[in-house]
């Protein structure tokens, strides 16, 4: 006689609201922080030099942070099959059937936001008019940021195509492939930030890429776990320990690489004194804010790992969603500040 594993427990309306609150908290905090930090670090108008209009000044950081939110969503949703495992498809498949189409939608949003960012950045370099196709093509051809965004959009479209195959064929499409393509699409993102013209350029770029990928896996994995897995205690008991191990590595990588990137960028910028730039430049002040936000994540992550995880393993009810809301809210603020950092003045 064969024994069939029990199906995943139904999701109650209250649990759906909690999941939406987690996702919404990350997105809203990221957008608000990006607009506020970009406004703080905006360059003052110079008489005689045209400046971008308010649509570009506000729209560019919004679209740029929405690109990050969509990319984080693709990475997190792609990680869900690996977190759940493949030993009990009767329990995991109802969850994965919800996750796969959303990953495709997020990938399309990622690609669209990357292309819109190119348009907005073209408009920023050509204030006073509407960007034409020729202006956009010239921007992509001449500026590394445009090329990086175009490559990221292409990777997002590839992720959407592979995601559609997963919707059709399920886990016959390897989860590892979806994760790798999503992370690969993040590699050009650091190109959109400050460039360091020194022998340390390549190591700092690698550090930036590690920072971006680690942050995406940590944030996306937490949001996806809280939204889709947390309502099912038996699945959460399997997924949360696996995610906790990933999160611990990501926290270490994100913290160390963030300090290396920020301090290294300031120290290697000609004409900039490191200690002075930290307290006087927009870049330095935003770096301090971001460092504080990452530091705030440590006790929140530690509480989930050391206080809630044992209860989850035992199948007991916990306040995981509430703590996840707090953690992803801080993550959203950090993402918004990071967008402003890529454009802030160092001098």
C-alpha atoms as a PDB file:
ATOM      1  CA  UNK A   1       0.000   0.000   0.000  1.00  0.00           C
ATOM      2  CA  UNK A   2       1.399   3.392  -0.974  1.00  0.00           C
ATOM      3  CA  UNK A   3       1.135   6.321   1.386  1.00  0.00           C
ATOM      4  CA  UNK A   4       0.361   9.741  -0.074  1.00  0.00           C
ATOM      5  CA  UNK A   5       1.860  12.761   1.635  1.00  0.00           C
ATOM      6  CA  UNK A   6      -0.721  15.227   2.897  1.00  0.00           C
ATOM      7  CA  UNK A   7      -1.386  18.250   0.742  1.00  0.00           C
ATOM      8  CA  UNK A   8      -0.213  21.658   1.820  1.00  0.00           C
ATOM      9  CA  UNK A   9      -2.520  23.307   4.305  1.00  0.00           C
ATOM     10  CA  UNK A  10      -4.949  25.870   2.880  1.00  0.00           C
ATOM     11  CA  UNK A  11      -3.979  29.522   3.158  1.00  0.00           C
ATOM     12  CA  UNK A  12      -6.309  31.571   5.325  1.00  0.00           C
ATOM     13  CA  UNK A  13      -7.305  35.131   4.310  1.00  0.00           C
ATOM     14  CA  UNK A  14      -5.387  36.538   7.303  1.00  0.00           C
ATOM     15  CA  UNK A  15      -2.251  34.733   6.124  1.00  0.00           C
ATOM     16  CA  UNK A  16      -2.657  36.117   2.602  1.00  0.00           C
ATOM     17  CA  UNK A  17      -2.880  39.634   4.049  1.00  0.00           C
ATOM     18  CA  UNK A  18       0.301  39.002   6.046  1.00  0.00           C
ATOM     19  CA  UNK A  19       2.127  37.836   2.934  1.00  0.00           C
ATOM     20  CA  UNK A  20       1.019  40.868   0.933  1.00  0.00           C
ATOM     21  CA  UNK A  21       2.134  43.093   3.796  1.00  0.00           C
ATOM     22  CA  UNK A  22       5.639  41.623   3.612  1.00  0.00           C
ATOM     23  CA  UNK A  23       5.922  42.194  -0.137  1.00  0.00           C
ATOM     24  CA  UNK A  24       4.322  45.629   0.051  1.00  0.00           C
ATOM     25  CA  UNK A  25       6.564  46.771   2.894  1.00  0.00           C
ATOM     26  CA  UNK A  26       9.686  46.040   0.861  1.00  0.00           C
ATOM     27  CA  UNK A  27       8.456  47.781  -2.285  1.00  0.00           C
ATOM     28  CA  UNK A  28       7.037  50.863  -0.572  1.00  0.00           C
ATOM     29  CA  UNK A  29      10.062  51.394   1.670  1.00  0.00           C
ATOM     30  CA  UNK A  30      12.427  51.007  -1.284  1.00  0.00           C
ATOM     31  CA  UNK A  31      10.579  53.576  -3.414  1.00  0.00           C
ATOM     32  CA  UNK A  32      10.174  56.095  -0.584  1.00  0.00           C
ATOM     33  CA  UNK A  33      13.825  55.803   0.431  1.00  0.00           C
ATOM     34  CA  UNK A  34      15.029  56.111  -3.183  1.00  0.00           C
ATOM     35  CA  UNK A  35      13.046  59.304  -3.792  1.00  0.00           C
ATOM     36  CA  UNK A  36      13.986  60.847  -0.434  1.00  0.00           C
ATOM     37  CA  UNK A  37      17.682  59.972  -0.681  1.00  0.00           C
ATOM     38  CA  UNK A  38      17.892  61.076  -4.328  1.00  0.00           C
ATOM     39  CA  UNK A  39      16.270  64.398  -3.426  1.00  0.00           C
ATOM     40  CA  UNK A  40      18.784  64.843  -0.606  1.00  0.00           C
ATOM     41  CA  UNK A  41      21.759  64.124  -2.854  1.00  0.00           C
ATOM     42  CA  UNK A  42      20.503  65.987  -5.946  1.00  0.00           C
ATOM     43  CA  UNK A  43      22.927  68.465  -7.448  1.00  0.00           C
ATOM     44  CA  UNK A  44      22.104  72.147  -7.055  1.00  0.00           C
ATOM     45  CA  UNK A  45      21.067  74.024 -10.163  1.00  0.00           C
ATOM     46  CA  UNK A  46      23.841  76.013 -11.861  1.00  0.00           C
ATOM     47  CA  UNK A  47      22.821  79.224 -13.662  1.00  0.00           C
ATOM     48  CA  UNK A  48      22.994  78.800 -17.406  1.00  0.00           C
ATOM     49  CA  UNK A  49      23.110  74.997 -17.321  1.00  0.00           C
ATOM     50  CA  UNK A  50      19.787  73.224 -18.033  1.00  0.00           C
ATOM     51  CA  UNK A  51      18.709  70.705 -15.424  1.00  0.00           C
ATOM     52  CA  UNK A  52      16.412  67.669 -15.813  1.00  0.00           C
ATOM     53  CA  UNK A  53      12.750  68.371 -15.155  1.00  0.00           C
ATOM     54  CA  UNK A  54      10.836  67.047 -12.137  1.00  0.00           C
ATOM     55  CA  UNK A  55       9.515  64.095 -14.142  1.00  0.00           C
ATOM     56  CA  UNK A  56      13.068  62.850 -14.727  1.00  0.00           C
ATOM     57  CA  UNK A  57      14.317  63.851 -11.270  1.00  0.00           C
ATOM     58  CA  UNK A  58      11.606  61.806  -9.549  1.00  0.00           C
ATOM     59  CA  UNK A  59      10.910  59.199 -12.200  1.00  0.00           C
ATOM     60  CA  UNK A  60      14.493  58.007 -12.618  1.00  0.00           C
ATOM     61  CA  UNK A  61      15.069  56.867  -9.006  1.00  0.00           C
ATOM     62  CA  UNK A  62      11.571  55.356  -8.889  1.00  0.00           C
ATOM     63  CA  UNK A  63      12.066  53.314 -12.057  1.00  0.00           C
ATOM     64  CA  UNK A  64      15.588  52.381 -10.993  1.00  0.00           C
ATOM     65  CA  UNK A  65      14.491  51.059  -7.612  1.00  0.00           C
ATOM     66  CA  UNK A  66      11.538  49.242  -9.201  1.00  0.00           C
ATOM     67  CA  UNK A  67      14.104  47.492 -11.397  1.00  0.00           C
ATOM     68  CA  UNK A  68      15.837  46.307  -8.225  1.00  0.00           C
ATOM     69  CA  UNK A  69      12.540  45.229  -6.642  1.00  0.00           C
ATOM     70  CA  UNK A  70      11.585  43.207  -9.729  1.00  0.00           C
ATOM     71  CA  UNK A  71      15.038  41.600  -9.955  1.00  0.00           C
ATOM     72  CA  UNK A  72      14.922  40.691  -6.258  1.00  0.00           C
ATOM     73  CA  UNK A  73      11.492  39.140  -6.817  1.00  0.00           C
ATOM     74  CA  UNK A  74      12.779  36.986  -9.685  1.00  0.00           C
ATOM     75  CA  UNK A  75      15.730  35.765  -7.627  1.00  0.00           C
ATOM     76  CA  UNK A  76      13.567  35.044  -4.583  1.00  0.00           C
ATOM     77  CA  UNK A  77      10.835  33.251  -6.519  1.00  0.00           C
ATOM     78  CA  UNK A  78      13.456  31.201  -8.373  1.00  0.00           C
ATOM     79  CA  UNK A  79      14.901  30.076  -5.038  1.00  0.00           C
ATOM     80  CA  UNK A  80      11.588  28.721  -3.709  1.00  0.00           C
ATOM     81  CA  UNK A  81      11.861  25.276  -5.366  1.00  0.00           C
ATOM     82  CA  UNK A  82      15.347  24.798  -3.897  1.00  0.00           C
ATOM     83  CA  UNK A  83      14.140  25.840  -0.448  1.00  0.00           C
ATOM     84  CA  UNK A  84      11.160  23.485  -0.536  1.00  0.00           C
ATOM     85  CA  UNK A  85      13.027  20.542  -2.009  1.00  0.00           C
ATOM     86  CA  UNK A  86      11.653  17.883  -4.321  1.00  0.00           C
ATOM     87  CA  UNK A  87      10.833  15.028  -1.934  1.00  0.00           C
ATOM     88  CA  UNK A  88       7.119  15.781  -1.456  1.00  0.00           C
ATOM     89  CA  UNK A  89       5.623  17.201  -4.682  1.00  0.00           C
ATOM     90  CA  UNK A  90       2.097  16.613  -3.338  1.00  0.00           C
ATOM     91  CA  UNK A  91       2.734  19.319  -0.742  1.00  0.00           C
ATOM     92  CA  UNK A  92       5.065  21.638  -2.660  1.00  0.00           C
ATOM     93  CA  UNK A  93       3.401  21.706  -6.074  1.00  0.00           C
ATOM     94  CA  UNK A  94       0.366  23.828  -4.996  1.00  0.00           C
ATOM     95  CA  UNK A  95       2.798  26.483  -3.770  1.00  0.00           C
ATOM     96  CA  UNK A  96       5.051  26.268  -6.822  1.00  0.00           C
ATOM     97  CA  UNK A  97       2.076  26.597  -9.175  1.00  0.00           C
ATOM     98  CA  UNK A  98       1.535  30.060  -7.681  1.00  0.00           C
ATOM     99  CA  UNK A  99       5.209  30.976  -7.695  1.00  0.00           C
ATOM    100  CA  UNK A 100       6.153  30.124 -11.290  1.00  0.00           C
ATOM    101  CA  UNK A 101       3.793  32.549 -13.130  1.00  0.00           C
ATOM    102  CA  UNK A 102       4.702  35.348 -10.730  1.00  0.00           C
ATOM    103  CA  UNK A 103       8.380  34.807 -11.521  1.00  0.00           C
ATOM    104  CA  UNK A 104       7.583  35.335 -15.209  1.00  0.00           C
ATOM    105  CA  UNK A 105       5.643  38.535 -14.475  1.00  0.00           C
ATOM    106  CA  UNK A 106       8.471  39.836 -12.285  1.00  0.00           C
ATOM    107  CA  UNK A 107      11.002  39.082 -15.040  1.00  0.00           C
ATOM    108  CA  UNK A 108       8.962  41.072 -17.554  1.00  0.00           C
ATOM    109  CA  UNK A 109       8.730  43.946 -15.055  1.00  0.00           C
ATOM    110  CA  UNK A 110      12.496  43.772 -14.593  1.00  0.00           C
ATOM    111  CA  UNK A 111      13.108  44.019 -18.348  1.00  0.00           C
ATOM    112  CA  UNK A 112      10.643  46.887 -18.779  1.00  0.00           C
ATOM    113  CA  UNK A 113      12.133  48.849 -15.870  1.00  0.00           C
ATOM    114  CA  UNK A 114      15.655  48.347 -17.228  1.00  0.00           C
ATOM    115  CA  UNK A 115      14.611  49.738 -20.615  1.00  0.00           C
ATOM    116  CA  UNK A 116      12.726  52.622 -18.999  1.00  0.00           C
ATOM    117  CA  UNK A 117      15.812  53.425 -16.930  1.00  0.00           C
ATOM    118  CA  UNK A 118      17.782  53.780 -20.165  1.00  0.00           C
ATOM    119  CA  UNK A 119      15.187  56.237 -21.455  1.00  0.00           C
ATOM    120  CA  UNK A 120      15.186  58.264 -18.243  1.00  0.00           C
ATOM    121  CA  UNK A 121      18.981  58.374 -18.079  1.00  0.00           C
ATOM    122  CA  UNK A 122      19.081  59.517 -21.705  1.00  0.00           C
ATOM    123  CA  UNK A 123      16.625  62.272 -20.810  1.00  0.00           C
ATOM    124  CA  UNK A 124      18.802  63.241 -17.846  1.00  0.00           C
ATOM    125  CA  UNK A 125      21.800  63.740 -20.139  1.00  0.00           C
ATOM    126  CA  UNK A 126      19.677  65.672 -22.654  1.00  0.00           C
ATOM    127  CA  UNK A 127      17.525  67.981 -20.523  1.00  0.00           C
ATOM    128  CA  UNK A 128      14.847  70.131 -22.076  1.00  0.00           C
ATOM    129  CA  UNK A 129      13.526  67.674 -24.631  1.00  0.00           C
ATOM    130  CA  UNK A 130      11.991  64.263 -25.187  1.00  0.00           C
ATOM    131  CA  UNK A 131      14.584  61.533 -25.869  1.00  0.00           C
ATOM    132  CA  UNK A 132      14.537  60.323 -29.453  1.00  0.00           C
ATOM    133  CA  UNK A 133      15.465  56.852 -30.619  1.00  0.00           C
ATOM    134  CA  UNK A 134      18.750  58.262 -31.920  1.00  0.00           C
ATOM    135  CA  UNK A 135      19.581  59.756 -28.513  1.00  0.00           C
ATOM    136  CA  UNK A 136      18.784  56.480 -26.787  1.00  0.00           C
ATOM    137  CA  UNK A 137      20.852  54.471 -29.265  1.00  0.00           C
ATOM    138  CA  UNK A 138      23.776  56.861 -28.820  1.00  0.00           C
ATOM    139  CA  UNK A 139      23.519  56.587 -25.050  1.00  0.00           C
ATOM    140  CA  UNK A 140      23.579  52.790 -25.179  1.00  0.00           C
ATOM    141  CA  UNK A 141      26.438  52.794 -27.668  1.00  0.00           C
ATOM    142  CA  UNK A 142      28.633  55.295 -25.848  1.00  0.00           C
ATOM    143  CA  UNK A 143      27.900  54.831 -22.132  1.00  0.00           C
ATOM    144  CA  UNK A 144      28.682  51.670 -20.181  1.00  0.00           C
ATOM    145  CA  UNK A 145      25.652  52.199 -17.955  1.00  0.00           C
ATOM    146  CA  UNK A 146      23.339  51.952 -20.932  1.00  0.00           C
ATOM    147  CA  UNK A 147      25.041  48.804 -22.171  1.00  0.00           C
ATOM    148  CA  UNK A 148      24.833  47.235 -18.738  1.00  0.00           C
ATOM    149  CA  UNK A 149      21.130  48.005 -18.427  1.00  0.00           C
ATOM    150  CA  UNK A 150      20.447  46.604 -21.902  1.00  0.00           C
ATOM    151  CA  UNK A 151      22.287  43.398 -21.019  1.00  0.00           C
ATOM    152  CA  UNK A 152      20.343  43.167 -17.756  1.00  0.00           C
ATOM    153  CA  UNK A 153      17.084  43.569 -19.686  1.00  0.00           C
ATOM    154  CA  UNK A 154      18.139  40.769 -22.046  1.00  0.00           C
ATOM    155  CA  UNK A 155      18.855  38.481 -19.089  1.00  0.00           C
ATOM    156  CA  UNK A 156      15.466  39.363 -17.613  1.00  0.00           C
ATOM    157  CA  UNK A 157      13.779  38.367 -20.883  1.00  0.00           C
ATOM    158  CA  UNK A 158      15.746  35.114 -20.836  1.00  0.00           C
ATOM    159  CA  UNK A 159      14.542  34.523 -17.283  1.00  0.00           C
ATOM    160  CA  UNK A 160      10.977  35.161 -18.443  1.00  0.00           C
ATOM    161  CA  UNK A 161      11.367  32.634 -21.257  1.00  0.00           C
ATOM    162  CA  UNK A 162      12.793  29.969 -18.968  1.00  0.00           C
ATOM    163  CA  UNK A 163      10.070  30.793 -16.451  1.00  0.00           C
ATOM    164  CA  UNK A 164       7.406  30.168 -19.085  1.00  0.00           C
ATOM    165  CA  UNK A 165       8.945  26.765 -19.716  1.00  0.00           C
ATOM    166  CA  UNK A 166       8.749  26.083 -15.970  1.00  0.00           C
ATOM    167  CA  UNK A 167       5.065  27.082 -15.969  1.00  0.00           C
ATOM    168  CA  UNK A 168       4.484  24.561 -18.756  1.00  0.00           C
ATOM    169  CA  UNK A 169       6.747  21.703 -17.646  1.00  0.00           C
ATOM    170  CA  UNK A 170       7.105  22.290 -13.901  1.00  0.00           C
ATOM    171  CA  UNK A 171      10.277  21.203 -12.131  1.00  0.00           C
ATOM    172  CA  UNK A 172      11.500  19.386 -15.228  1.00  0.00           C
ATOM    173  CA  UNK A 173      13.063  22.798 -15.890  1.00  0.00           C
ATOM    174  CA  UNK A 174      15.948  22.860 -13.378  1.00  0.00           C
ATOM    175  CA  UNK A 175      15.509  25.354 -10.568  1.00  0.00           C
ATOM    176  CA  UNK A 176      19.273  25.902 -10.624  1.00  0.00           C
ATOM    177  CA  UNK A 177      19.017  27.230 -14.192  1.00  0.00           C
ATOM    178  CA  UNK A 178      16.390  29.789 -13.168  1.00  0.00           C
ATOM    179  CA  UNK A 179      18.480  30.951 -10.219  1.00  0.00           C
ATOM    180  CA  UNK A 180      21.687  31.224 -12.270  1.00  0.00           C
ATOM    181  CA  UNK A 181      20.054  33.220 -15.080  1.00  0.00           C
ATOM    182  CA  UNK A 182      18.449  35.595 -12.555  1.00  0.00           C
ATOM    183  CA  UNK A 183      21.728  36.153 -10.706  1.00  0.00           C
ATOM    184  CA  UNK A 184      23.604  36.530 -14.000  1.00  0.00           C
ATOM    185  CA  UNK A 185      21.269  39.368 -14.931  1.00  0.00           C
ATOM    186  CA  UNK A 186      22.385  41.223 -11.803  1.00  0.00           C
ATOM    187  CA  UNK A 187      26.054  41.308 -12.820  1.00  0.00           C
ATOM    188  CA  UNK A 188      25.784  44.460 -15.005  1.00  0.00           C
ATOM    189  CA  UNK A 189      23.953  46.408 -12.264  1.00  0.00           C
ATOM    190  CA  UNK A 190      27.157  47.669 -10.561  1.00  0.00           C
ATOM    191  CA  UNK A 191      28.164  49.253 -13.883  1.00  0.00           C
ATOM    192  CA  UNK A 192      25.403  51.816 -13.266  1.00  0.00           C
ATOM    193  CA  UNK A 193      27.242  53.126 -10.202  1.00  0.00           C
ATOM    194  CA  UNK A 194      30.502  55.016  -9.631  1.00  0.00           C
ATOM    195  CA  UNK A 195      33.558  53.814 -11.541  1.00  0.00           C
ATOM    196  CA  UNK A 196      36.977  53.702  -9.917  1.00  0.00           C
ATOM    197  CA  UNK A 197      39.848  54.454 -12.285  1.00  0.00           C
ATOM    198  CA  UNK A 198      42.711  52.587 -10.619  1.00  0.00           C
ATOM    199  CA  UNK A 199      44.409  49.208 -10.435  1.00  0.00           C
ATOM    200  CA  UNK A 200      41.726  48.288  -7.892  1.00  0.00           C
ATOM    201  CA  UNK A 201      38.927  48.771 -10.414  1.00  0.00           C
ATOM    202  CA  UNK A 202      38.391  45.071 -11.154  1.00  0.00           C
ATOM    203  CA  UNK A 203      38.479  43.851  -7.512  1.00  0.00           C
ATOM    204  CA  UNK A 204      36.020  46.554  -6.478  1.00  0.00           C
ATOM    205  CA  UNK A 205      33.692  45.679  -9.369  1.00  0.00           C
ATOM    206  CA  UNK A 206      33.782  42.014  -8.332  1.00  0.00           C
ATOM    207  CA  UNK A 207      33.038  43.068  -4.767  1.00  0.00           C
ATOM    208  CA  UNK A 208      30.101  45.151  -5.995  1.00  0.00           C
ATOM    209  CA  UNK A 209      28.710  42.218  -7.952  1.00  0.00           C
ATOM    210  CA  UNK A 210      28.991  39.967  -4.888  1.00  0.00           C
ATOM    211  CA  UNK A 211      27.203  42.664  -2.897  1.00  0.00           C
ATOM    212  CA  UNK A 212      24.339  42.933  -5.395  1.00  0.00           C
ATOM    213  CA  UNK A 213      23.866  39.170  -5.767  1.00  0.00           C
ATOM    214  CA  UNK A 214      24.095  38.517  -2.021  1.00  0.00           C
ATOM    215  CA  UNK A 215      21.547  41.228  -1.251  1.00  0.00           C
ATOM    216  CA  UNK A 216      19.145  39.922  -3.898  1.00  0.00           C
ATOM    217  CA  UNK A 217      19.335  36.311  -2.684  1.00  0.00           C
ATOM    218  CA  UNK A 218      18.922  37.343   0.963  1.00  0.00           C
ATOM    219  CA  UNK A 219      16.071  39.796   0.412  1.00  0.00           C
ATOM    220  CA  UNK A 220      14.295  37.842  -2.307  1.00  0.00           C
ATOM    221  CA  UNK A 221      14.550  34.578  -0.406  1.00  0.00           C
ATOM    222  CA  UNK A 222      13.124  36.113   2.771  1.00  0.00           C
ATOM    223  CA  UNK A 223      10.219  37.805   0.984  1.00  0.00           C
ATOM    224  CA  UNK A 224       9.354  34.657  -0.987  1.00  0.00           C
ATOM    225  CA  UNK A 225       9.564  32.477   2.128  1.00  0.00           C
ATOM    226  CA  UNK A 226       7.373  34.814   4.184  1.00  0.00           C
ATOM    227  CA  UNK A 227       4.789  35.276   1.429  1.00  0.00           C
ATOM    228  CA  UNK A 228       4.431  31.789  -0.032  1.00  0.00           C
ATOM    229  CA  UNK A 229       5.877  29.296   2.455  1.00  0.00           C
ATOM    230  CA  UNK A 230       5.111  30.757   5.890  1.00  0.00           C
ATOM    231  CA  UNK A 231       1.365  29.954   5.701  1.00  0.00           C
ATOM    232  CA  UNK A 232       2.222  26.225   5.501  1.00  0.00           C
ATOM    233  CA  UNK A 233       3.905  25.154   8.736  1.00  0.00           C
ATOM    234  CA  UNK A 234       5.060  21.783   7.455  1.00  0.00           C
ATOM    235  CA  UNK A 235       6.726  23.398   4.434  1.00  0.00           C
ATOM    236  CA  UNK A 236       8.164  26.251   6.488  1.00  0.00           C
ATOM    237  CA  UNK A 237       9.847  23.729   8.794  1.00  0.00           C
ATOM    238  CA  UNK A 238      11.762  22.479   5.747  1.00  0.00           C
ATOM    239  CA  UNK A 239      12.394  25.756   3.918  1.00  0.00           C
ATOM    240  CA  UNK A 240      13.326  28.145   6.731  1.00  0.00           C
ATOM    241  CA  UNK A 241      16.410  26.208   7.960  1.00  0.00           C
ATOM    242  CA  UNK A 242      17.696  26.074   4.376  1.00  0.00           C
ATOM    243  CA  UNK A 243      17.064  29.765   3.843  1.00  0.00           C
ATOM    244  CA  UNK A 244      18.642  30.616   7.198  1.00  0.00           C
ATOM    245  CA  UNK A 245      21.932  29.091   6.081  1.00  0.00           C
ATOM    246  CA  UNK A 246      21.812  31.072   2.830  1.00  0.00           C
ATOM    247  CA  UNK A 247      20.927  34.262   4.700  1.00  0.00           C
ATOM    248  CA  UNK A 248      23.856  33.908   7.099  1.00  0.00           C
ATOM    249  CA  UNK A 249      26.320  33.714   4.196  1.00  0.00           C
ATOM    250  CA  UNK A 250      24.607  36.581   2.386  1.00  0.00           C
ATOM    251  CA  UNK A 251      24.679  38.796   5.484  1.00  0.00           C
ATOM    252  CA  UNK A 252      28.424  38.306   5.800  1.00  0.00           C
ATOM    253  CA  UNK A 253      29.041  38.925   2.097  1.00  0.00           C
ATOM    254  CA  UNK A 254      26.757  41.960   1.910  1.00  0.00           C
ATOM    255  CA  UNK A 255      28.220  43.598   5.002  1.00  0.00           C
ATOM    256  CA  UNK A 256      31.878  43.124   4.094  1.00  0.00           C
ATOM    257  CA  UNK A 257      31.526  43.886   0.385  1.00  0.00           C
ATOM    258  CA  UNK A 258      29.426  46.983   1.110  1.00  0.00           C
ATOM    259  CA  UNK A 259      32.128  48.477   3.305  1.00  0.00           C
ATOM    260  CA  UNK A 260      34.853  47.582   0.802  1.00  0.00           C
ATOM    261  CA  UNK A 261      32.876  49.129  -2.062  1.00  0.00           C
ATOM    262  CA  UNK A 262      31.941  52.347  -0.292  1.00  0.00           C
ATOM    263  CA  UNK A 263      35.218  53.083   1.455  1.00  0.00           C
ATOM    264  CA  UNK A 264      37.286  51.912  -1.514  1.00  0.00           C
ATOM    265  CA  UNK A 265      35.350  54.100  -3.952  1.00  0.00           C
ATOM    266  CA  UNK A 266      35.913  57.196  -1.814  1.00  0.00           C
ATOM    267  CA  UNK A 267      39.539  56.406  -0.999  1.00  0.00           C
ATOM    268  CA  UNK A 268      40.460  55.833  -4.656  1.00  0.00           C
ATOM    269  CA  UNK A 269      38.641  58.875  -6.048  1.00  0.00           C
ATOM    270  CA  UNK A 270      41.222  61.556  -6.993  1.00  0.00           C
ATOM    271  CA  UNK A 271      41.117  64.671  -4.848  1.00  0.00           C
ATOM    272  CA  UNK A 272      38.952  63.082  -2.134  1.00  0.00           C
ATOM    273  CA  UNK A 273      40.026  62.611   1.479  1.00  0.00           C
ATOM    274  CA  UNK A 274      38.362  59.526   2.952  1.00  0.00           C
ATOM    275  CA  UNK A 275      37.533  60.847   6.428  1.00  0.00           C
ATOM    276  CA  UNK A 276      36.409  64.199   5.078  1.00  0.00           C
ATOM    277  CA  UNK A 277      34.224  62.649   2.377  1.00  0.00           C
ATOM    278  CA  UNK A 278      32.410  60.445   4.897  1.00  0.00           C
ATOM    279  CA  UNK A 279      31.023  63.414   6.834  1.00  0.00           C
ATOM    280  CA  UNK A 280      30.837  66.129   4.163  1.00  0.00           C
ATOM    281  CA  UNK A 281      29.831  64.504   0.862  1.00  0.00           C
ATOM    282  CA  UNK A 282      26.381  63.230  -0.062  1.00  0.00           C
ATOM    283  CA  UNK A 283      27.937  59.880  -0.942  1.00  0.00           C
ATOM    284  CA  UNK A 284      29.626  59.544   2.453  1.00  0.00           C
ATOM    285  CA  UNK A 285      26.499  60.478   4.411  1.00  0.00           C
ATOM    286  CA  UNK A 286      24.354  58.059   2.428  1.00  0.00           C
ATOM    287  CA  UNK A 287      26.969  55.346   2.950  1.00  0.00           C
ATOM    288  CA  UNK A 288      26.740  55.918   6.702  1.00  0.00           C
ATOM    289  CA  UNK A 289      22.937  55.639   6.533  1.00  0.00           C
ATOM    290  CA  UNK A 290      23.134  52.423   4.531  1.00  0.00           C
ATOM    291  CA  UNK A 291      25.701  50.962   6.924  1.00  0.00           C
ATOM    292  CA  UNK A 292      23.398  51.711   9.868  1.00  0.00           C
ATOM    293  CA  UNK A 293      20.492  50.039   8.056  1.00  0.00           C
ATOM    294  CA  UNK A 294      22.555  46.906   7.349  1.00  0.00           C
ATOM    295  CA  UNK A 295      23.629  46.869  11.010  1.00  0.00           C
ATOM    296  CA  UNK A 296      19.961  47.009  12.052  1.00  0.00           C
ATOM    297  CA  UNK A 297      19.351  43.871  10.012  1.00  0.00           C
ATOM    298  CA  UNK A 298      21.743  41.845  12.181  1.00  0.00           C
ATOM    299  CA  UNK A 299      19.542  41.625  15.324  1.00  0.00           C
ATOM    300  CA  UNK A 300      16.405  41.119  13.213  1.00  0.00           C
ATOM    301  CA  UNK A 301      17.997  38.250  11.291  1.00  0.00           C
ATOM    302  CA  UNK A 302      19.472  36.817  14.492  1.00  0.00           C
ATOM    303  CA  UNK A 303      16.035  36.779  16.159  1.00  0.00           C
ATOM    304  CA  UNK A 304      14.545  34.812  13.277  1.00  0.00           C
ATOM    305  CA  UNK A 305      17.465  32.378  13.193  1.00  0.00           C
ATOM    306  CA  UNK A 306      17.961  31.736  16.905  1.00  0.00           C
ATOM    307  CA  UNK A 307      14.530  32.419  18.430  1.00  0.00           C
ATOM    308  CA  UNK A 308      11.924  31.622  15.780  1.00  0.00           C
ATOM    309  CA  UNK A 309      13.660  28.866  13.815  1.00  0.00           C
ATOM    310  CA  UNK A 310      13.590  26.288  16.656  1.00  0.00           C
ATOM    311  CA  UNK A 311       9.835  26.859  17.074  1.00  0.00           C
ATOM    312  CA  UNK A 312       9.285  26.557  13.326  1.00  0.00           C
ATOM    313  CA  UNK A 313      11.156  23.250  13.277  1.00  0.00           C
ATOM    314  CA  UNK A 314       8.826  21.975  16.004  1.00  0.00           C
ATOM    315  CA  UNK A 315       5.766  23.042  14.019  1.00  0.00           C
ATOM    316  CA  UNK A 316       4.712  25.701  16.541  1.00  0.00           C
ATOM    317  CA  UNK A 317       3.077  29.004  15.617  1.00  0.00           C
ATOM    318  CA  UNK A 318       5.435  31.988  15.495  1.00  0.00           C
ATOM    319  CA  UNK A 319       5.370  35.685  14.666  1.00  0.00           C
ATOM    320  CA  UNK A 320       7.607  35.069  11.640  1.00  0.00           C
ATOM    321  CA  UNK A 321       5.586  37.257   9.281  1.00  0.00           C
ATOM    322  CA  UNK A 322       5.714  40.197  11.683  1.00  0.00           C
ATOM    323  CA  UNK A 323       9.473  39.943  12.060  1.00  0.00           C
ATOM    324  CA  UNK A 324       9.813  39.458   8.305  1.00  0.00           C
ATOM    325  CA  UNK A 325       7.886  42.703   7.729  1.00  0.00           C
ATOM    326  CA  UNK A 326      10.337  44.543   9.980  1.00  0.00           C
ATOM    327  CA  UNK A 327      13.361  43.007   8.287  1.00  0.00           C
ATOM    328  CA  UNK A 328      12.232  43.556   4.695  1.00  0.00           C
ATOM    329  CA  UNK A 329      11.215  47.137   5.537  1.00  0.00           C
ATOM    330  CA  UNK A 330      14.788  47.866   6.590  1.00  0.00           C
ATOM    331  CA  UNK A 331      16.011  46.022   3.490  1.00  0.00           C
ATOM    332  CA  UNK A 332      13.749  48.200   1.338  1.00  0.00           C
ATOM    333  CA  UNK A 333      15.167  51.353   2.903  1.00  0.00           C
ATOM    334  CA  UNK A 334      18.688  50.061   2.251  1.00  0.00           C
ATOM    335  CA  UNK A 335      17.837  49.371  -1.403  1.00  0.00           C
ATOM    336  CA  UNK A 336      16.421  52.867  -1.822  1.00  0.00           C
ATOM    337  CA  UNK A 337      19.524  54.449  -0.308  1.00  0.00           C
ATOM    338  CA  UNK A 338      21.690  52.247  -2.544  1.00  0.00           C
ATOM    339  CA  UNK A 339      19.976  53.649  -5.655  1.00  0.00           C
ATOM    340  CA  UNK A 340      20.760  57.197  -4.488  1.00  0.00           C
ATOM    341  CA  UNK A 341      24.361  56.142  -3.740  1.00  0.00           C
ATOM    342  CA  UNK A 342      24.947  55.238  -7.385  1.00  0.00           C
ATOM    343  CA  UNK A 343      24.219  58.857  -8.336  1.00  0.00           C
ATOM    344  CA  UNK A 344      25.472  60.814  -5.313  1.00  0.00           C
ATOM    345  CA  UNK A 345      28.435  63.138  -5.458  1.00  0.00           C
ATOM    346  CA  UNK A 346      31.604  61.892  -3.742  1.00  0.00           C
ATOM    347  CA  UNK A 347      33.485  65.179  -3.703  1.00  0.00           C
END
